[in-house]
């Protein structure tokens, strides 16, 4: 079965290709393998010598953070994000924002958090 990248961009500041795959349902582990194939193909056939390795983004309706962490997607240059089909409540948006801030702080070295 043939498969194609849904969207392909080039980030000039990062000097790298960005592949985006759009999924209708919740994240499944097979999506990682599919994105890895896209990124390897881009690295082999499209990446220029002065560019960074391609980056992959998978947009899906839902994800389980533990599954994402166990697959170590961040180490492979792949990121997963959820999309919303309806606007959530203000409380839910605030909670998600606080979660994102806490997650970002955990990833920063302690010297950069001050």
N, C-alpha and C. Protein backbone atom coordinates (compact mmCIF):
# COMPACT_ATOMS: atom_id res chain seq x y z
N UNK A 1 0.84 -1.18 0.00
CA UNK A 1 0.00 0.00 0.00
C UNK A 1 0.88 1.24 0.00
N UNK A 2 0.66 2.12 -0.94
CA UNK A 2 1.42 3.36 -1.00
C UNK A 2 0.92 4.35 0.03
N UNK A 3 1.85 5.11 0.54
CA UNK A 3 1.51 6.10 1.55
C UNK A 3 2.28 7.38 1.23
N UNK A 4 1.65 8.51 1.49
CA UNK A 4 2.27 9.79 1.17
C UNK A 4 2.20 10.72 2.37
N UNK A 5 3.16 11.62 2.45
CA UNK A 5 3.16 12.66 3.47
C UNK A 5 2.00 13.60 3.18
N UNK A 6 1.26 13.97 4.22
CA UNK A 6 0.12 14.88 4.02
C UNK A 6 0.59 16.29 3.71
N UNK A 7 1.55 16.80 4.49
CA UNK A 7 2.06 18.15 4.30
C UNK A 7 3.58 18.14 4.46
N UNK A 8 4.25 18.93 3.65
CA UNK A 8 5.71 19.04 3.75
C UNK A 8 6.08 20.51 3.69
N UNK A 9 6.79 20.97 4.71
CA UNK A 9 7.22 22.36 4.79
C UNK A 9 8.73 22.42 4.94
N UNK A 10 9.27 23.61 4.74
CA UNK A 10 10.68 23.84 5.01
C UNK A 10 10.77 25.01 5.98
N UNK A 11 11.46 24.81 7.10
CA UNK A 11 11.65 25.87 8.08
C UNK A 11 13.01 26.50 7.82
N UNK A 12 13.01 27.76 7.39
CA UNK A 12 14.25 28.42 7.03
C UNK A 12 15.16 28.65 8.23
N UNK A 13 14.59 29.00 9.37
CA UNK A 13 15.42 29.27 10.55
C UNK A 13 16.06 27.99 11.08
N UNK A 14 15.30 26.90 11.08
CA UNK A 14 15.85 25.62 11.54
C UNK A 14 16.67 24.93 10.46
N UNK A 15 16.50 25.36 9.21
CA UNK A 15 17.17 24.74 8.06
C UNK A 15 16.87 23.24 8.00
N UNK A 16 15.56 22.93 7.99
CA UNK A 16 15.17 21.52 7.92
C UNK A 16 13.76 21.38 7.34
N UNK A 17 13.54 20.23 6.74
CA UNK A 17 12.22 19.87 6.24
C UNK A 17 11.34 19.45 7.42
N UNK A 18 10.06 19.76 7.33
CA UNK A 18 9.11 19.38 8.38
C UNK A 18 7.96 18.62 7.70
N UNK A 19 7.85 17.33 8.02
CA UNK A 19 6.78 16.50 7.46
C UNK A 19 5.64 16.43 8.47
N UNK A 20 4.42 16.65 8.00
CA UNK A 20 3.25 16.61 8.87
C UNK A 20 2.30 15.55 8.36
N UNK A 21 1.91 14.65 9.25
CA UNK A 21 0.98 13.58 8.92
C UNK A 21 -0.30 13.80 9.72
N UNK A 22 -1.43 13.86 9.05
CA UNK A 22 -2.72 14.12 9.68
C UNK A 22 -3.47 12.80 9.86
N UNK A 23 -3.93 12.54 11.08
CA UNK A 23 -4.65 11.31 11.38
C UNK A 23 -6.02 11.65 11.97
N UNK A 24 -7.04 10.88 11.60
CA UNK A 24 -8.40 11.15 12.08
C UNK A 24 -8.64 10.63 13.49
N UNK A 25 -8.04 9.53 13.86
CA UNK A 25 -8.31 8.92 15.16
C UNK A 25 -7.22 9.21 16.18
N UNK A 26 -7.22 8.40 17.24
CA UNK A 26 -6.20 8.51 18.27
C UNK A 26 -4.87 8.00 17.76
N UNK A 27 -3.78 8.45 18.39
CA UNK A 27 -2.44 8.02 18.00
C UNK A 27 -2.30 6.52 18.15
N UNK A 28 -1.68 5.89 17.16
CA UNK A 28 -1.36 4.45 17.21
C UNK A 28 0.13 4.30 16.96
N UNK A 29 0.73 3.28 17.56
CA UNK A 29 2.18 3.12 17.47
C UNK A 29 2.66 2.91 16.03
N UNK A 30 1.79 2.43 15.14
CA UNK A 30 2.18 2.25 13.74
C UNK A 30 2.52 3.57 13.06
N UNK A 31 1.95 4.64 13.57
CA UNK A 31 2.20 5.95 12.97
C UNK A 31 3.68 6.34 13.10
N UNK A 32 4.32 5.89 14.17
CA UNK A 32 5.75 6.18 14.36
C UNK A 32 6.56 5.58 13.21
N UNK A 33 6.31 4.30 12.92
CA UNK A 33 7.05 3.63 11.83
C UNK A 33 6.83 4.30 10.49
N UNK A 34 5.60 4.70 10.25
CA UNK A 34 5.27 5.37 9.00
C UNK A 34 6.04 6.70 8.90
N UNK A 35 6.06 7.47 9.99
CA UNK A 35 6.77 8.74 9.97
C UNK A 35 8.27 8.53 9.84
N UNK A 36 8.81 7.50 10.50
CA UNK A 36 10.24 7.22 10.37
C UNK A 36 10.60 6.93 8.92
N UNK A 37 9.75 6.20 8.23
CA UNK A 37 9.99 5.92 6.81
C UNK A 37 10.00 7.22 6.01
N UNK A 38 9.04 8.10 6.26
CA UNK A 38 9.02 9.40 5.57
C UNK A 38 10.31 10.18 5.83
N UNK A 39 10.73 10.23 7.11
CA UNK A 39 11.90 11.02 7.46
C UNK A 39 13.17 10.45 6.86
N UNK A 40 13.29 9.13 6.82
CA UNK A 40 14.47 8.51 6.18
C UNK A 40 14.49 8.79 4.69
N UNK A 41 13.34 8.72 4.05
CA UNK A 41 13.27 9.01 2.62
C UNK A 41 13.66 10.45 2.35
N UNK A 42 13.13 11.37 3.15
CA UNK A 42 13.46 12.79 2.98
C UNK A 42 14.96 13.02 3.20
N UNK A 43 15.51 12.38 4.22
CA UNK A 43 16.95 12.55 4.51
C UNK A 43 17.80 12.03 3.35
N UNK A 44 17.38 10.94 2.77
CA UNK A 44 18.16 10.33 1.69
C UNK A 44 18.02 11.06 0.36
N UNK A 45 16.80 11.50 0.02
CA UNK A 45 16.55 12.03 -1.31
C UNK A 45 16.34 13.54 -1.40
N UNK A 46 15.95 14.19 -0.31
CA UNK A 46 15.64 15.62 -0.39
C UNK A 46 16.53 16.52 0.47
N UNK A 47 17.12 15.99 1.51
CA UNK A 47 17.92 16.82 2.41
C UNK A 47 19.20 17.28 1.75
N UNK A 48 19.48 18.57 1.85
CA UNK A 48 20.71 19.14 1.32
C UNK A 48 21.82 19.00 2.37
N UNK A 49 23.06 19.08 1.94
CA UNK A 49 24.20 18.85 2.84
C UNK A 49 24.29 19.87 3.98
N UNK A 50 23.78 21.08 3.77
CA UNK A 50 23.87 22.10 4.82
C UNK A 50 22.61 22.16 5.70
N UNK A 51 21.69 21.20 5.55
CA UNK A 51 20.45 21.20 6.31
C UNK A 51 20.50 20.21 7.48
N UNK A 52 19.67 20.50 8.48
CA UNK A 52 19.49 19.59 9.61
C UNK A 52 18.61 18.43 9.15
N UNK A 53 18.59 17.35 9.93
CA UNK A 53 17.75 16.20 9.56
C UNK A 53 16.27 16.58 9.65
N UNK A 54 15.43 15.96 8.83
CA UNK A 54 14.01 16.29 8.80
C UNK A 54 13.33 16.04 10.15
N UNK A 55 12.25 16.78 10.36
CA UNK A 55 11.46 16.68 11.58
C UNK A 55 10.07 16.21 11.21
N UNK A 56 9.47 15.35 12.03
CA UNK A 56 8.13 14.85 11.75
C UNK A 56 7.13 15.27 12.82
N UNK A 57 5.94 15.64 12.39
CA UNK A 57 4.85 15.99 13.30
C UNK A 57 3.63 15.16 12.91
N UNK A 58 3.08 14.46 13.90
CA UNK A 58 1.87 13.67 13.68
C UNK A 58 0.74 14.37 14.43
N UNK A 59 -0.28 14.82 13.69
CA UNK A 59 -1.45 15.45 14.28
C UNK A 59 -2.58 14.43 14.32
N UNK A 60 -3.13 14.18 15.51
CA UNK A 60 -4.19 13.20 15.64
C UNK A 60 -5.24 13.68 16.65
N UNK A 61 -6.37 12.97 16.69
CA UNK A 61 -7.48 13.39 17.53
C UNK A 61 -7.19 13.18 19.02
N UNK A 62 -6.32 12.27 19.35
CA UNK A 62 -6.00 12.01 20.75
C UNK A 62 -4.68 11.29 20.89
N UNK A 63 -4.11 11.36 22.09
CA UNK A 63 -2.85 10.67 22.35
C UNK A 63 -2.78 10.33 23.83
N UNK A 64 -2.01 9.30 24.14
CA UNK A 64 -1.73 8.93 25.53
C UNK A 64 -0.27 9.28 25.78
N UNK A 65 -0.04 10.20 26.70
CA UNK A 65 1.31 10.71 26.95
C UNK A 65 2.29 9.59 27.31
N UNK A 66 1.84 8.61 28.09
CA UNK A 66 2.73 7.51 28.47
C UNK A 66 3.20 6.74 27.24
N UNK A 67 2.29 6.50 26.31
CA UNK A 67 2.64 5.79 25.07
C UNK A 67 3.68 6.59 24.29
N UNK A 68 3.50 7.89 24.21
CA UNK A 68 4.43 8.76 23.49
C UNK A 68 5.82 8.68 24.14
N UNK A 69 5.86 8.73 25.47
CA UNK A 69 7.13 8.68 26.19
C UNK A 69 7.82 7.33 26.01
N UNK A 70 7.06 6.23 26.07
CA UNK A 70 7.65 4.90 25.92
C UNK A 70 8.22 4.69 24.52
N UNK A 71 7.60 5.27 23.52
CA UNK A 71 8.10 5.16 22.14
C UNK A 71 9.30 6.06 21.89
N UNK A 72 9.60 6.94 22.86
CA UNK A 72 10.74 7.86 22.77
C UNK A 72 10.73 8.63 21.45
N UNK A 73 9.57 9.15 21.12
CA UNK A 73 9.42 9.87 19.85
C UNK A 73 10.31 11.10 19.78
N UNK A 74 10.48 11.79 20.91
CA UNK A 74 11.29 13.01 20.88
C UNK A 74 12.73 12.73 20.46
N UNK A 75 13.24 11.54 20.76
CA UNK A 75 14.60 11.18 20.38
C UNK A 75 14.73 10.86 18.89
N UNK A 76 13.61 10.59 18.25
CA UNK A 76 13.65 10.24 16.83
C UNK A 76 13.27 11.41 15.92
N UNK A 77 13.07 12.59 16.51
CA UNK A 77 12.71 13.75 15.70
C UNK A 77 11.25 13.77 15.30
N UNK A 78 10.42 13.00 16.02
CA UNK A 78 8.99 12.93 15.74
C UNK A 78 8.24 13.49 16.94
N UNK A 79 7.24 14.30 16.67
CA UNK A 79 6.41 14.87 17.73
C UNK A 79 4.95 14.58 17.42
N UNK A 80 4.16 14.40 18.48
CA UNK A 80 2.75 14.11 18.32
C UNK A 80 1.95 15.21 19.00
N UNK A 81 0.94 15.71 18.31
CA UNK A 81 0.08 16.75 18.88
C UNK A 81 -1.38 16.40 18.59
N UNK A 82 -2.24 16.85 19.48
CA UNK A 82 -3.67 16.63 19.32
C UNK A 82 -4.30 17.84 18.62
N UNK A 83 -5.31 17.60 17.85
CA UNK A 83 -6.07 18.69 17.29
C UNK A 83 -7.48 18.64 17.88
N UNK A 84 -8.15 19.76 17.88
CA UNK A 84 -9.49 19.86 18.44
C UNK A 84 -10.48 20.14 17.32
N UNK A 85 -11.63 19.48 17.39
CA UNK A 85 -12.67 19.73 16.39
C UNK A 85 -13.74 20.67 16.92
N UNK A 86 -13.77 20.87 18.24
CA UNK A 86 -14.67 21.85 18.87
C UNK A 86 -13.87 22.61 19.92
N UNK A 87 -14.27 23.83 20.17
CA UNK A 87 -13.58 24.65 21.16
C UNK A 87 -13.92 24.16 22.56
N UNK A 88 -12.90 23.77 23.35
CA UNK A 88 -13.18 23.30 24.71
C UNK A 88 -13.50 24.47 25.65
N UNK A 89 -13.92 24.12 26.84
CA UNK A 89 -14.25 25.14 27.83
C UNK A 89 -13.00 25.92 28.24
N UNK A 90 -13.22 27.09 28.78
CA UNK A 90 -12.12 27.93 29.25
C UNK A 90 -11.30 27.20 30.32
N UNK A 91 -11.97 26.48 31.19
CA UNK A 91 -11.29 25.74 32.26
C UNK A 91 -10.37 24.67 31.68
N UNK A 92 -10.84 23.94 30.68
CA UNK A 92 -10.02 22.90 30.06
C UNK A 92 -8.82 23.52 29.35
N UNK A 93 -9.02 24.63 28.66
CA UNK A 93 -7.91 25.31 28.00
C UNK A 93 -6.86 25.76 29.02
N UNK A 94 -7.31 26.32 30.14
CA UNK A 94 -6.39 26.76 31.18
C UNK A 94 -5.62 25.57 31.76
N UNK A 95 -6.31 24.45 31.98
CA UNK A 95 -5.65 23.25 32.52
C UNK A 95 -4.60 22.73 31.55
N UNK A 96 -4.93 22.69 30.26
CA UNK A 96 -3.97 22.22 29.26
C UNK A 96 -2.76 23.16 29.17
N UNK A 97 -3.00 24.45 29.28
CA UNK A 97 -1.91 25.41 29.27
C UNK A 97 -0.99 25.19 30.47
N UNK A 98 -1.55 24.99 31.63
CA UNK A 98 -0.73 24.73 32.83
C UNK A 98 0.06 23.44 32.68
N UNK A 99 -0.54 22.41 32.09
CA UNK A 99 0.17 21.15 31.85
C UNK A 99 1.34 21.36 30.90
N UNK A 100 1.11 22.14 29.85
CA UNK A 100 2.17 22.40 28.87
C UNK A 100 3.32 23.18 29.51
N UNK A 101 2.99 24.15 30.36
CA UNK A 101 4.03 24.93 31.04
C UNK A 101 4.84 24.04 31.97
N UNK A 102 4.15 23.19 32.74
CA UNK A 102 4.84 22.28 33.66
C UNK A 102 5.73 21.29 32.90
N UNK A 103 5.23 20.79 31.78
CA UNK A 103 6.01 19.86 30.96
C UNK A 103 7.26 20.54 30.40
N UNK A 104 7.11 21.77 29.92
CA UNK A 104 8.26 22.51 29.38
C UNK A 104 9.29 22.78 30.47
N UNK A 105 8.83 23.12 31.67
CA UNK A 105 9.77 23.37 32.78
C UNK A 105 10.54 22.12 33.17
N UNK A 106 9.89 20.96 33.11
CA UNK A 106 10.58 19.70 33.45
C UNK A 106 11.69 19.40 32.44
N UNK A 107 11.49 19.81 31.18
CA UNK A 107 12.48 19.52 30.14
C UNK A 107 13.66 20.50 30.17
N UNK A 108 13.48 21.67 30.74
CA UNK A 108 14.56 22.65 30.78
C UNK A 108 15.56 22.32 31.87
N UNK A 109 16.85 22.56 31.61
CA UNK A 109 17.83 22.41 32.68
C UNK A 109 17.51 23.41 33.80
N UNK A 110 17.82 23.08 35.03
CA UNK A 110 17.43 23.91 36.17
C UNK A 110 17.96 25.33 36.09
N UNK A 111 19.12 25.55 35.48
CA UNK A 111 19.69 26.90 35.37
C UNK A 111 18.86 27.79 34.46
N UNK A 112 18.14 27.23 33.47
CA UNK A 112 17.35 28.02 32.55
C UNK A 112 15.98 28.35 33.11
N UNK A 113 15.54 27.70 34.17
CA UNK A 113 14.21 27.92 34.72
C UNK A 113 14.14 29.18 35.57
N UNK A 114 15.25 29.71 36.01
CA UNK A 114 15.24 30.89 36.90
C UNK A 114 15.03 32.17 36.15
